[in-house]
Amino acid sequence: MEKFILLIDTVTAWVGKAFAWCIMIMAVGIGYEVFVRYIMRDPTSWAFDISYMMFGALFMMAGAYTLSRDGHVRGDVLYRLWKPKAQAIIEFVLYFLFFFPGVIALIIAGWDYAGESWSYNSGRGEVSVMSPANVPIFQFKSIIPIAGSLLFIQGIAQVCRCIMCIRTGEWPPHLEDVEEMELVMQHAHVYDLDDQGDQGSQGNQDGKGNMT
């Protein structure tokens, strides 16, 4: 079961990191728009569309990756006070009460939404009616059911993780590829204290290496 969990975590991590490049595309597009709008006095007709499409794609496709790293919002005020086994039992129940029904609804509605978008313009696909550039958007609407499917698969892995924790009393490990800034700062603080302690020890020694 642990190998299955790590496999799903690896797949969703790869997808999330791949779509993280949308940030670069969005930044370049916005930067270019600012330059041509305020310097060249010749704004584009497509930069706004690119920005919300890239952000939407990143937001949807990184959802499963965020779930695999426990990055979504939860009531930590109470949750962190419970023992791991109690946490796992609560999460197990909530996944079936709320998560899976919501994700299944997202997949079904997203599939219909994307299919309708592909059928526009005699099968050539929907374009944005809000954009003077008529940017095609049918391919981006197709992301909705795909993202929902990834969330569903990752949800299965999370349920397996809950089952393992209920059996053993400990949460199985995650793939360690990202650290929260709070942990990074804590580690940096510990290293600073260690360095200060080493310097203090050296300062208390005389020239012969004896402690003074």
N, C-alpha and C. Protein backbone atom coordinates (compact mmCIF):
# COMPACT_ATOMS: atom_id res chain seq x y z
N MET A 1 0.82 -1.21 0.00
CA MET A 1 0.00 0.00 0.00
C MET A 1 0.86 1.26 0.00
N GLU A 2 1.98 1.20 0.72
CA GLU A 2 2.86 2.38 0.78
C GLU A 2 3.46 2.68 -0.59
N LYS A 3 3.79 1.64 -1.35
CA LYS A 3 4.33 1.85 -2.70
C LYS A 3 3.29 2.51 -3.60
N PHE A 4 2.03 2.10 -3.46
CA PHE A 4 0.96 2.71 -4.24
C PHE A 4 0.82 4.20 -3.90
N ILE A 5 0.88 4.51 -2.60
CA ILE A 5 0.76 5.91 -2.17
C ILE A 5 1.89 6.74 -2.76
N LEU A 6 3.12 6.24 -2.65
CA LEU A 6 4.27 6.98 -3.16
C LEU A 6 4.21 7.13 -4.68
N LEU A 7 3.66 6.12 -5.37
CA LEU A 7 3.52 6.21 -6.83
C LEU A 7 2.56 7.34 -7.20
N ILE A 8 1.40 7.38 -6.54
CA ILE A 8 0.43 8.44 -6.81
C ILE A 8 1.02 9.80 -6.45
N ASP A 9 1.71 9.88 -5.32
CA ASP A 9 2.35 11.13 -4.92
C ASP A 9 3.34 11.60 -5.97
N THR A 10 4.09 10.66 -6.55
CA THR A 10 5.08 11.01 -7.57
C THR A 10 4.41 11.55 -8.82
N VAL A 11 3.33 10.90 -9.24
CA VAL A 11 2.62 11.34 -10.45
C VAL A 11 2.04 12.74 -10.26
N THR A 12 1.35 12.96 -9.15
CA THR A 12 0.74 14.27 -8.92
C THR A 12 1.80 15.35 -8.71
N ALA A 13 2.94 14.98 -8.13
CA ALA A 13 4.03 15.94 -7.98
C ALA A 13 4.57 16.34 -9.34
N TRP A 14 4.73 15.37 -10.23
CA TRP A 14 5.23 15.67 -11.58
C TRP A 14 4.28 16.61 -12.31
N VAL A 15 2.98 16.33 -12.21
CA VAL A 15 1.98 17.19 -12.88
C VAL A 15 1.99 18.59 -12.28
N GLY A 16 2.00 18.67 -10.95
CA GLY A 16 2.00 19.97 -10.30
C GLY A 16 3.21 20.81 -10.64
N LYS A 17 4.38 20.18 -10.66
CA LYS A 17 5.60 20.92 -10.99
C LYS A 17 5.65 21.31 -12.46
N ALA A 18 5.08 20.47 -13.32
CA ALA A 18 5.04 20.81 -14.74
C ALA A 18 4.17 22.05 -14.97
N PHE A 19 3.02 22.10 -14.31
CA PHE A 19 2.13 23.25 -14.49
C PHE A 19 2.60 24.46 -13.70
N ALA A 20 3.58 24.29 -12.83
CA ALA A 20 4.15 25.45 -12.14
C ALA A 20 4.81 26.41 -13.12
N TRP A 21 5.20 25.91 -14.29
CA TRP A 21 5.78 26.78 -15.32
C TRP A 21 4.77 27.78 -15.85
N CYS A 22 3.49 27.56 -15.58
CA CYS A 22 2.48 28.55 -15.97
C CYS A 22 2.75 29.89 -15.31
N ILE A 23 3.39 29.86 -14.13
CA ILE A 23 3.73 31.11 -13.46
C ILE A 23 4.68 31.93 -14.31
N MET A 24 5.68 31.26 -14.91
CA MET A 24 6.64 31.96 -15.74
C MET A 24 5.97 32.55 -16.98
N ILE A 25 5.10 31.76 -17.60
CA ILE A 25 4.39 32.26 -18.79
C ILE A 25 3.53 33.46 -18.42
N MET A 26 2.84 33.36 -17.30
CA MET A 26 1.99 34.46 -16.85
C MET A 26 2.81 35.70 -16.54
N ALA A 27 3.95 35.52 -15.87
CA ALA A 27 4.80 36.66 -15.53
C ALA A 27 5.36 37.34 -16.77
N VAL A 28 5.81 36.53 -17.73
CA VAL A 28 6.35 37.10 -18.97
C VAL A 28 5.26 37.85 -19.73
N GLY A 29 4.07 37.26 -19.80
CA GLY A 29 2.97 37.92 -20.50
C GLY A 29 2.57 39.24 -19.87
N ILE A 30 2.47 39.26 -18.53
CA ILE A 30 2.11 40.49 -17.84
C ILE A 30 3.22 41.53 -17.97
N GLY A 31 4.47 41.08 -17.84
CA GLY A 31 5.59 42.00 -17.99
C GLY A 31 5.64 42.63 -19.37
N TYR A 32 5.39 41.82 -20.38
CA TYR A 32 5.37 42.34 -21.74
C TYR A 32 4.23 43.34 -21.93
N GLU A 33 3.07 43.02 -21.36
CA GLU A 33 1.92 43.92 -21.47
C GLU A 33 2.21 45.27 -20.81
N VAL A 34 2.83 45.24 -19.63
CA VAL A 34 3.17 46.49 -18.95
C VAL A 34 4.13 47.32 -19.80
N PHE A 35 5.12 46.66 -20.40
CA PHE A 35 6.10 47.38 -21.21
C PHE A 35 5.46 48.03 -22.43
N VAL A 36 4.70 47.25 -23.20
CA VAL A 36 4.13 47.82 -24.43
C VAL A 36 3.00 48.80 -24.14
N ARG A 37 2.32 48.63 -23.00
CA ARG A 37 1.21 49.53 -22.68
C ARG A 37 1.71 50.90 -22.23
N TYR A 38 2.72 50.91 -21.35
CA TYR A 38 3.13 52.18 -20.75
C TYR A 38 4.38 52.78 -21.39
N ILE A 39 5.15 51.97 -22.08
CA ILE A 39 6.35 52.49 -22.75
C ILE A 39 6.09 52.70 -24.23
N MET A 40 5.56 51.67 -24.88
CA MET A 40 5.32 51.75 -26.32
C MET A 40 3.95 52.33 -26.67
N ARG A 41 3.08 52.46 -25.68
CA ARG A 41 1.71 52.96 -25.90
C ARG A 41 0.95 52.12 -26.93
N ASP A 42 1.18 50.80 -26.87
CA ASP A 42 0.54 49.90 -27.83
C ASP A 42 0.14 48.62 -27.10
N PRO A 43 -0.92 48.64 -26.28
CA PRO A 43 -1.28 47.47 -25.47
C PRO A 43 -1.72 46.29 -26.34
N THR A 44 -1.56 45.10 -25.77
CA THR A 44 -1.95 43.88 -26.48
C THR A 44 -3.43 43.59 -26.24
N SER A 45 -3.96 42.70 -27.02
CA SER A 45 -5.35 42.27 -26.86
C SER A 45 -5.46 40.89 -26.24
N TRP A 46 -4.32 40.30 -25.88
CA TRP A 46 -4.33 38.91 -25.42
C TRP A 46 -3.69 38.70 -24.05
N ALA A 47 -2.96 39.67 -23.50
CA ALA A 47 -2.21 39.46 -22.26
C ALA A 47 -3.13 39.14 -21.08
N PHE A 48 -4.26 39.82 -21.00
CA PHE A 48 -5.19 39.55 -19.89
C PHE A 48 -5.71 38.12 -19.96
N ASP A 49 -6.03 37.67 -21.16
CA ASP A 49 -6.54 36.30 -21.32
C ASP A 49 -5.48 35.28 -20.92
N ILE A 50 -4.24 35.52 -21.32
CA ILE A 50 -3.16 34.61 -20.97
C ILE A 50 -2.99 34.53 -19.46
N SER A 51 -3.10 35.67 -18.78
CA SER A 51 -2.87 35.69 -17.34
C SER A 51 -3.89 34.85 -16.59
N TYR A 52 -5.18 35.01 -16.89
CA TYR A 52 -6.16 34.23 -16.12
C TYR A 52 -6.21 32.77 -16.57
N MET A 53 -5.86 32.50 -17.83
CA MET A 53 -5.82 31.10 -18.28
C MET A 53 -4.67 30.35 -17.60
N MET A 54 -3.50 30.98 -17.54
CA MET A 54 -2.35 30.34 -16.90
C MET A 54 -2.61 30.15 -15.40
N PHE A 55 -3.18 31.17 -14.77
CA PHE A 55 -3.47 31.04 -13.34
C PHE A 55 -4.50 29.96 -13.08
N GLY A 56 -5.54 29.92 -13.91
CA GLY A 56 -6.56 28.89 -13.75
C GLY A 56 -6.02 27.49 -13.95
N ALA A 57 -5.16 27.32 -14.97
CA ALA A 57 -4.56 26.01 -15.22
C ALA A 57 -3.69 25.58 -14.05
N LEU A 58 -2.89 26.50 -13.53
CA LEU A 58 -2.04 26.19 -12.38
C LEU A 58 -2.88 25.85 -11.16
N PHE A 59 -3.90 26.65 -10.90
CA PHE A 59 -4.75 26.45 -9.73
C PHE A 59 -5.42 25.08 -9.76
N MET A 60 -5.92 24.67 -10.92
CA MET A 60 -6.63 23.40 -11.03
C MET A 60 -5.69 22.21 -10.99
N MET A 61 -4.62 22.26 -11.77
CA MET A 61 -3.76 21.09 -11.94
C MET A 61 -2.81 20.88 -10.77
N ALA A 62 -2.60 21.90 -9.94
CA ALA A 62 -1.74 21.73 -8.77
C ALA A 62 -2.53 21.30 -7.54
N GLY A 63 -3.85 21.14 -7.68
CA GLY A 63 -4.67 20.78 -6.53
C GLY A 63 -4.32 19.42 -5.95
N ALA A 64 -4.12 18.42 -6.81
CA ALA A 64 -3.79 17.08 -6.33
C ALA A 64 -2.41 17.06 -5.68
N TYR A 65 -1.47 17.78 -6.27
CA TYR A 65 -0.13 17.87 -5.69
C TYR A 65 -0.19 18.50 -4.30
N THR A 66 -0.97 19.57 -4.16
CA THR A 66 -1.12 20.22 -2.86
C THR A 66 -1.77 19.28 -1.85
N LEU A 67 -2.75 18.51 -2.29
CA LEU A 67 -3.40 17.54 -1.40
C LEU A 67 -2.41 16.49 -0.92
N SER A 68 -1.53 16.04 -1.80
CA SER A 68 -0.57 15.01 -1.42
C SER A 68 0.42 15.49 -0.38
N ARG A 69 0.61 16.82 -0.27
CA ARG A 69 1.53 17.39 0.70
C ARG A 69 0.81 18.01 1.90
N ASP A 70 -0.49 17.70 2.04
CA ASP A 70 -1.30 18.26 3.13
C ASP A 70 -1.25 19.79 3.13
N GLY A 71 -1.32 20.37 1.94
CA GLY A 71 -1.20 21.81 1.82
C GLY A 71 -2.50 22.56 1.82
N HIS A 72 -3.63 21.85 1.75
CA HIS A 72 -4.92 22.54 1.74
C HIS A 72 -5.31 22.97 3.16
N VAL A 73 -6.21 23.92 3.23
CA VAL A 73 -6.61 24.49 4.52
C VAL A 73 -7.39 23.46 5.34
N ARG A 74 -7.06 23.37 6.61
CA ARG A 74 -7.82 22.54 7.54
C ARG A 74 -7.87 23.26 8.89
N GLY A 75 -8.73 22.79 9.79
CA GLY A 75 -8.84 23.40 11.12
C GLY A 75 -7.72 22.94 12.02
N ASP A 76 -6.52 23.48 11.80
CA ASP A 76 -5.35 23.03 12.56
C ASP A 76 -5.45 23.35 14.05
N VAL A 77 -6.29 24.30 14.43
CA VAL A 77 -6.41 24.65 15.85
C VAL A 77 -6.81 23.43 16.67
N LEU A 78 -7.70 22.62 16.14
CA LEU A 78 -8.11 21.39 16.83
C LEU A 78 -7.35 20.17 16.32
N TYR A 79 -7.11 20.13 15.02
CA TYR A 79 -6.54 18.95 14.38
C TYR A 79 -5.18 18.58 14.98
N ARG A 80 -4.34 19.58 15.20
CA ARG A 80 -2.98 19.28 15.66
C ARG A 80 -2.94 18.81 17.12
N LEU A 81 -4.05 18.97 17.84
CA LEU A 81 -4.11 18.51 19.23
C LEU A 81 -4.44 17.03 19.34
N TRP A 82 -4.94 16.45 18.27
CA TRP A 82 -5.33 15.04 18.31
C TRP A 82 -4.14 14.13 18.04
N LYS A 83 -4.26 12.90 18.48
CA LYS A 83 -3.25 11.89 18.17
C LYS A 83 -3.38 11.49 16.70
N PRO A 84 -2.30 11.01 16.08
CA PRO A 84 -2.35 10.65 14.66
C PRO A 84 -3.49 9.69 14.31
N LYS A 85 -3.77 8.72 15.17
CA LYS A 85 -4.84 7.77 14.87
C LYS A 85 -6.19 8.47 14.83
N ALA A 86 -6.44 9.40 15.75
CA ALA A 86 -7.69 10.15 15.75
C ALA A 86 -7.78 11.04 14.51
N GLN A 87 -6.66 11.65 14.14
CA GLN A 87 -6.62 12.46 12.92
C GLN A 87 -7.00 11.62 11.70
N ALA A 88 -6.44 10.42 11.63
CA ALA A 88 -6.69 9.55 10.48
C ALA A 88 -8.15 9.12 10.41
N ILE A 89 -8.75 8.82 11.56
CA ILE A 89 -10.16 8.40 11.57
C ILE A 89 -11.06 9.54 11.09
N ILE A 90 -10.81 10.74 11.59
CA ILE A 90 -11.61 11.90 11.18
C ILE A 90 -11.45 12.16 9.68
N GLU A 91 -10.21 12.13 9.20
CA GLU A 91 -9.97 12.37 7.77
C GLU A 91 -10.62 11.29 6.91
N PHE A 92 -10.53 10.05 7.34
CA PHE A 92 -11.13 8.94 6.59
C PHE A 92 -12.63 9.17 6.40
N VAL A 93 -13.30 9.55 7.47
CA VAL A 93 -14.75 9.79 7.39
C VAL A 93 -15.06 10.99 6.50
N LEU A 94 -14.30 12.06 6.66
CA LEU A 94 -14.57 13.29 5.90
C LEU A 94 -14.31 13.11 4.41
N TYR A 95 -13.34 12.28 4.06
CA TYR A 95 -13.09 12.03 2.64
C TYR A 95 -14.33 11.45 1.97
N PHE A 96 -15.00 10.53 2.64
CA PHE A 96 -16.18 9.89 2.02
C PHE A 96 -17.44 10.75 2.16
N LEU A 97 -17.50 11.58 3.18
CA LEU A 97 -18.68 12.42 3.35
C LEU A 97 -18.67 13.64 2.43
N PHE A 98 -17.50 14.22 2.24
CA PHE A 98 -17.43 15.50 1.53
C PHE A 98 -16.51 15.47 0.31
N PHE A 99 -15.31 14.92 0.46
CA PHE A 99 -14.31 15.03 -0.61
C PHE A 99 -14.73 14.30 -1.87
N PHE A 100 -14.97 13.00 -1.76
CA PHE A 100 -15.28 12.21 -2.96
C PHE A 100 -16.59 12.64 -3.63
N PRO A 101 -17.67 12.92 -2.90
CA PRO A 101 -18.87 13.42 -3.59
C PRO A 101 -18.62 14.72 -4.34
N GLY A 102 -17.86 15.63 -3.73
CA GLY A 102 -17.57 16.90 -4.40
C GLY A 102 -16.71 16.73 -5.63
N VAL A 103 -15.70 15.86 -5.53
CA VAL A 103 -14.80 15.64 -6.67
C VAL A 103 -15.52 14.93 -7.80
N ILE A 104 -16.36 13.95 -7.48
CA ILE A 104 -17.13 13.26 -8.52
C ILE A 104 -18.06 14.23 -9.23
N ALA A 105 -18.70 15.12 -8.47
CA ALA A 105 -19.55 16.15 -9.08
C ALA A 105 -18.73 17.06 -9.99
N LEU A 106 -17.51 17.40 -9.57
CA LEU A 106 -16.63 18.24 -10.39
C LEU A 106 -16.28 17.54 -11.70
N ILE A 107 -15.98 16.25 -11.64
CA ILE A 107 -15.62 15.50 -12.85
C ILE A 107 -16.80 15.44 -13.82
N ILE A 108 -17.98 15.11 -13.30
CA ILE A 108 -19.16 14.98 -14.17
C ILE A 108 -19.53 16.32 -14.79
N ALA A 109 -19.62 17.36 -13.95
CA ALA A 109 -19.97 18.69 -14.47
C ALA A 109 -18.88 19.22 -15.40
N GLY A 110 -17.63 18.99 -15.04
CA GLY A 110 -16.53 19.45 -15.88
C GLY A 110 -16.49 18.75 -17.23
N TRP A 111 -16.83 17.47 -17.24
CA TRP A 111 -16.87 16.72 -18.50
C TRP A 111 -17.93 17.29 -19.44
N ASP A 112 -19.12 17.56 -18.90
CA ASP A 112 -20.18 18.16 -19.72
C ASP A 112 -19.80 19.56 -20.17
N TYR A 113 -19.20 20.32 -19.28
CA TYR A 113 -18.79 21.69 -19.57
C TYR A 113 -17.75 21.72 -20.68
N ALA A 114 -16.75 20.82 -20.59
CA ALA A 114 -15.70 20.77 -21.60
C ALA A 114 -16.25 20.26 -22.93
N GLY A 115 -17.12 19.23 -22.88
CA GLY A 115 -17.69 18.71 -24.11
C GLY A 115 -18.50 19.75 -24.86
N GLU A 116 -19.26 20.54 -24.13
CA GLU A 116 -20.03 21.62 -24.76
C GLU A 116 -19.11 22.66 -25.39
N SER A 117 -18.00 22.95 -24.70
CA SER A 117 -17.06 23.94 -25.23
C SER A 117 -16.40 23.46 -26.51
N TRP A 118 -16.10 22.16 -26.59
CA TRP A 118 -15.48 21.61 -27.80
C TRP A 118 -16.45 21.60 -28.98
N SER A 119 -17.75 21.58 -28.72
CA SER A 119 -18.73 21.47 -29.80
C SER A 119 -19.07 22.81 -30.45
N TYR A 120 -18.61 23.91 -29.87
CA TYR A 120 -18.93 25.21 -30.44
C TYR A 120 -18.25 25.42 -31.79
N ASN A 121 -18.81 26.35 -32.56
CA ASN A 121 -18.24 26.73 -33.86
C ASN A 121 -18.06 25.53 -34.78
N SER A 122 -19.10 24.72 -34.85
CA SER A 122 -19.08 23.54 -35.74
C SER A 122 -17.94 22.60 -35.42
N GLY A 123 -17.67 22.41 -34.14
CA GLY A 123 -16.63 21.48 -33.74
C GLY A 123 -15.24 22.07 -33.67
N ARG A 124 -15.09 23.36 -33.96
CA ARG A 124 -13.77 23.98 -33.91
C ARG A 124 -13.41 24.49 -32.53
N GLY A 125 -14.36 24.47 -31.62
CA GLY A 125 -14.09 24.83 -30.24
C GLY A 125 -14.51 26.24 -29.89
N GLU A 126 -14.70 26.46 -28.60
CA GLU A 126 -15.17 27.75 -28.10
C GLU A 126 -14.03 28.76 -28.02
N VAL A 127 -14.34 30.01 -28.32
CA VAL A 127 -13.39 31.11 -28.14
C VAL A 127 -13.98 32.07 -27.11
N SER A 128 -13.12 32.85 -26.50
CA SER A 128 -13.55 33.78 -25.46
C SER A 128 -14.32 34.95 -26.06
N VAL A 129 -15.56 35.13 -25.62
CA VAL A 129 -16.36 36.25 -26.11
C VAL A 129 -15.96 37.55 -25.41
N MET A 130 -15.17 37.44 -24.34
CA MET A 130 -14.72 38.62 -23.62
C MET A 130 -13.40 39.15 -24.15
N SER A 131 -12.79 38.44 -25.09
CA SER A 131 -11.48 38.82 -25.60
C SER A 131 -11.58 39.36 -27.01
N PRO A 132 -11.02 40.53 -27.28
CA PRO A 132 -11.00 41.04 -28.66
C PRO A 132 -10.13 40.20 -29.58
N ALA A 133 -9.24 39.39 -28.99
CA ALA A 133 -8.37 38.53 -29.78
C ALA A 133 -9.02 37.19 -30.10
N ASN A 134 -10.22 36.93 -29.56
CA ASN A 134 -10.91 35.65 -29.77
C ASN A 134 -10.02 34.46 -29.42
N VAL A 135 -9.46 34.51 -28.22
CA VAL A 135 -8.57 33.46 -27.76
C VAL A 135 -9.36 32.17 -27.56
N PRO A 136 -8.90 31.04 -28.10
CA PRO A 136 -9.61 29.76 -27.86
C PRO A 136 -9.50 29.34 -26.40
N ILE A 137 -10.59 28.86 -25.85
CA ILE A 137 -10.60 28.49 -24.43
C ILE A 137 -11.10 27.07 -24.19
N PHE A 138 -11.47 26.36 -25.26
CA PHE A 138 -12.01 25.01 -25.06
C PHE A 138 -10.98 24.08 -24.44
N GLN A 139 -9.70 24.25 -24.81
CA GLN A 139 -8.68 23.36 -24.25
C GLN A 139 -8.47 23.61 -22.76
N PHE A 140 -8.67 24.83 -22.33
CA PHE A 140 -8.50 25.13 -20.91
C PHE A 140 -9.69 24.62 -20.09
N LYS A 141 -10.88 24.62 -20.67
CA LYS A 141 -12.02 24.05 -19.97
C LYS A 141 -11.89 22.54 -19.83
N SER A 142 -11.10 21.93 -20.72
CA SER A 142 -10.86 20.48 -20.62
C SER A 142 -10.03 20.14 -19.39
N ILE A 143 -9.35 21.13 -18.83
CA ILE A 143 -8.54 20.90 -17.64
C ILE A 143 -9.42 20.54 -16.44
N ILE A 144 -10.66 21.02 -16.43
CA ILE A 144 -11.53 20.82 -15.25
C ILE A 144 -11.75 19.33 -14.94
N PRO A 145 -12.21 18.50 -15.90
CA PRO A 145 -12.38 17.08 -15.56
C PRO A 145 -11.06 16.36 -15.33
N ILE A 146 -10.00 16.81 -16.00
CA ILE A 146 -8.68 16.19 -15.78
C ILE A 146 -8.20 16.46 -14.36
N ALA A 147 -8.33 17.71 -13.93
CA ALA A 147 -7.93 18.06 -12.57
C ALA A 147 -8.77 17.31 -11.54
N GLY A 148 -10.07 17.17 -11.81
CA GLY A 148 -10.93 16.42 -10.91
C GLY A 148 -10.53 14.96 -10.81
N SER A 149 -10.12 14.37 -11.94
CA SER A 149 -9.69 12.98 -11.93
C SER A 149 -8.41 12.80 -11.12
N LEU A 150 -7.48 13.75 -11.26
CA LEU A 150 -6.25 13.68 -10.47
C LEU A 150 -6.55 13.81 -8.98
N LEU A 151 -7.47 14.70 -8.63
CA LEU A 151 -7.86 14.83 -7.23
C LEU A 151 -8.49 13.54 -6.71
N PHE A 152 -9.30 12.89 -7.54
CA PHE A 152 -9.93 11.63 -7.13
C PHE A 152 -8.88 10.57 -6.86
N ILE A 153 -7.92 10.44 -7.77
CA ILE A 153 -6.86 9.44 -7.59
C ILE A 153 -6.02 9.75 -6.35
N GLN A 154 -5.68 11.02 -6.17
CA GLN A 154 -4.91 11.40 -4.99
C GLN A 154 -5.72 11.18 -3.73
N GLY A 155 -7.03 11.37 -3.81
CA GLY A 155 -7.89 11.10 -2.66
C GLY A 155 -7.84 9.64 -2.24
N ILE A 156 -7.78 8.74 -3.23
CA ILE A 156 -7.65 7.31 -2.91
C ILE A 156 -6.35 7.06 -2.15
N ALA A 157 -5.27 7.70 -2.62
CA ALA A 157 -3.99 7.56 -1.94
C ALA A 157 -4.06 8.10 -0.52
N GLN A 158 -4.78 9.21 -0.33
CA GLN A 158 -4.91 9.77 1.01
C GLN A 158 -5.72 8.87 1.93
N VAL A 159 -6.74 8.22 1.39
CA VAL A 159 -7.52 7.26 2.18
C VAL A 159 -6.63 6.08 2.59
N CYS A 160 -5.81 5.61 1.67
CA CYS A 160 -4.86 4.54 2.01
C CYS A 160 -3.90 5.00 3.10
N ARG A 161 -3.49 6.25 3.03
CA ARG A 161 -2.61 6.80 4.06
C ARG A 161 -3.33 6.81 5.42
N CYS A 162 -4.61 7.14 5.41
CA CYS A 162 -5.39 7.12 6.66
C CYS A 162 -5.48 5.70 7.22
N ILE A 163 -5.71 4.73 6.35
CA ILE A 163 -5.82 3.34 6.79
C ILE A 163 -4.52 2.87 7.44
N MET A 164 -3.40 3.21 6.83
CA MET A 164 -2.11 2.83 7.40
C MET A 164 -1.89 3.48 8.76
N CYS A 165 -2.31 4.74 8.89
CA CYS A 165 -2.14 5.43 10.17
C CYS A 165 -3.04 4.83 11.24
N ILE A 166 -4.26 4.44 10.87
CA ILE A 166 -5.17 3.81 11.83
C ILE A 166 -4.59 2.49 12.32
N ARG A 167 -3.93 1.76 11.44
CA ARG A 167 -3.35 0.47 11.82
C ARG A 167 -2.11 0.62 12.69
N THR A 168 -1.24 1.58 12.33
CA THR A 168 0.07 1.69 12.99
C THR A 168 0.14 2.79 14.04
N GLY A 169 -0.78 3.75 13.97
CA GLY A 169 -0.73 4.88 14.90
C GLY A 169 0.21 5.98 14.47
N GLU A 170 0.80 5.85 13.28
CA GLU A 170 1.71 6.87 12.77
C GLU A 170 1.41 7.13 11.30
N TRP A 171 1.55 8.41 10.89
CA TRP A 171 1.33 8.75 9.49
C TRP A 171 2.49 8.25 8.63
N PRO A 172 2.20 7.63 7.49
CA PRO A 172 3.28 7.23 6.58
C PRO A 172 3.97 8.46 6.02
N PRO A 173 5.23 8.33 5.61
CA PRO A 173 5.98 9.51 5.16
C PRO A 173 5.48 10.05 3.83
N HIS A 174 5.66 11.36 3.64
CA HIS A 174 5.40 12.01 2.37
C HIS A 174 6.71 12.09 1.58
N LEU A 175 6.58 12.38 0.30
CA LEU A 175 7.76 12.69 -0.50
C LEU A 175 8.28 14.04 -0.05
N GLU A 176 9.52 14.09 0.39
CA GLU A 176 10.08 15.34 0.91
C GLU A 176 10.70 16.13 -0.23
N ASP A 177 9.92 17.01 -0.82
CA ASP A 177 10.46 17.86 -1.88
C ASP A 177 10.21 19.34 -1.62
N VAL A 178 9.39 19.64 -0.63
CA VAL A 178 9.08 21.03 -0.30
C VAL A 178 9.04 21.17 1.21
N GLU A 179 9.66 22.24 1.71
CA GLU A 179 9.58 22.54 3.13
C GLU A 179 8.88 23.87 3.31
N GLU A 180 8.04 23.95 4.32
CA GLU A 180 7.39 25.21 4.62
C GLU A 180 8.44 26.21 5.10
N MET A 181 8.18 27.49 4.83
CA MET A 181 9.13 28.52 5.20
C MET A 181 9.37 28.55 6.70
N GLU A 182 8.34 28.22 7.50
CA GLU A 182 8.52 28.21 8.94
C GLU A 182 9.58 27.19 9.36
N LEU A 183 9.56 26.01 8.71
CA LEU A 183 10.55 24.99 9.04
C LEU A 183 11.94 25.40 8.58
N VAL A 184 12.02 26.03 7.42
CA VAL A 184 13.32 26.50 6.93
C VAL A 184 13.91 27.52 7.90
N MET A 185 13.07 28.44 8.38
CA MET A 185 13.54 29.45 9.32
C MET A 185 13.95 28.83 10.64
N GLN A 186 13.22 27.80 11.09
CA GLN A 186 13.59 27.12 12.32
C GLN A 186 14.95 26.44 12.18
N HIS A 187 15.17 25.79 11.05
CA HIS A 187 16.45 25.14 10.82
C HIS A 187 17.58 26.15 10.78
N ALA A 188 17.33 27.29 10.11
CA ALA A 188 18.35 28.33 10.03
C ALA A 188 18.68 28.87 11.42
N HIS A 189 17.65 29.01 12.27
CA HIS A 189 17.87 29.50 13.63
C HIS A 189 18.70 28.52 14.44
N VAL A 190 18.43 27.22 14.29
CA VAL A 190 19.21 26.20 14.99
C VAL A 190 20.66 26.23 14.55
N TYR A 191 20.90 26.38 13.24
CA TYR A 191 22.27 26.44 12.74
C TYR A 191 22.99 27.67 13.28
N ASP A 192 22.29 28.80 13.38
CA ASP A 192 22.91 30.01 13.93
C ASP A 192 23.31 29.80 15.38
N LEU A 193 22.44 29.15 16.16
CA LEU A 193 22.77 28.88 17.56
C LEU A 193 23.96 27.95 17.68
N ASP A 194 24.04 26.95 16.81
CA ASP A 194 25.18 26.03 16.83
C ASP A 194 26.47 26.77 16.51
N ASP A 195 26.42 27.65 15.51
CA ASP A 195 27.61 28.42 15.14
C ASP A 195 28.05 29.33 16.27
N GLN A 196 27.09 29.97 16.94
CA GLN A 196 27.44 30.84 18.06
C GLN A 196 28.05 30.04 19.20
N GLY A 197 27.52 28.83 19.43
CA GLY A 197 28.07 27.99 20.48
C GLY A 197 29.49 27.56 20.18
N ASP A 198 29.77 27.23 18.90
CA ASP A 198 31.13 26.85 18.51
C ASP A 198 32.09 28.01 18.67
N GLN A 199 31.66 29.21 18.28
CA GLN A 199 32.52 30.37 18.39
C GLN A 199 32.79 30.70 19.86
N GLY A 200 31.76 30.53 20.72
CA GLY A 200 31.95 30.79 22.14
C GLY A 200 32.92 29.81 22.77
N SER A 201 32.88 28.55 22.34
CA SER A 201 33.79 27.54 22.88
C SER A 201 35.22 27.85 22.48
N GLN A 202 35.41 28.28 21.23
CA GLN A 202 36.74 28.62 20.76
C GLN A 202 37.28 29.85 21.47
N GLY A 203 36.38 30.81 21.81
CA GLY A 203 36.82 32.03 22.48
C GLY A 203 37.24 31.78 23.91
N ASN A 204 36.77 30.69 24.52
CA ASN A 204 37.12 30.38 25.91
C ASN A 204 38.40 29.58 26.04
N GLN A 205 39.08 29.31 24.92
CA GLN A 205 40.33 28.57 24.95
C GLN A 205 41.50 29.54 24.87
N ASP A 206 42.60 29.25 25.61
CA ASP A 206 43.78 30.10 25.51
C ASP A 206 44.63 29.69 24.34
N GLY A 207 45.74 30.29 24.18
CA GLY A 207 46.59 30.01 23.02
C GLY A 207 47.11 28.60 23.00
N LYS A 208 47.18 27.91 24.13
CA LYS A 208 47.67 26.53 24.18
C LYS A 208 46.55 25.52 24.00
N GLY A 209 45.36 26.01 23.76
CA GLY A 209 44.23 25.09 23.56
C GLY A 209 43.56 24.69 24.84
N ASN A 210 43.96 25.33 25.98
CA ASN A 210 43.34 25.00 27.25
C ASN A 210 42.16 25.92 27.49
N MET A 211 41.18 25.41 28.21
CA MET A 211 40.02 26.20 28.54
C MET A 211 40.39 27.21 29.61
N THR A 212 39.89 28.46 29.50
CA THR A 212 40.20 29.51 30.47
C THR A 212 38.99 29.79 31.34
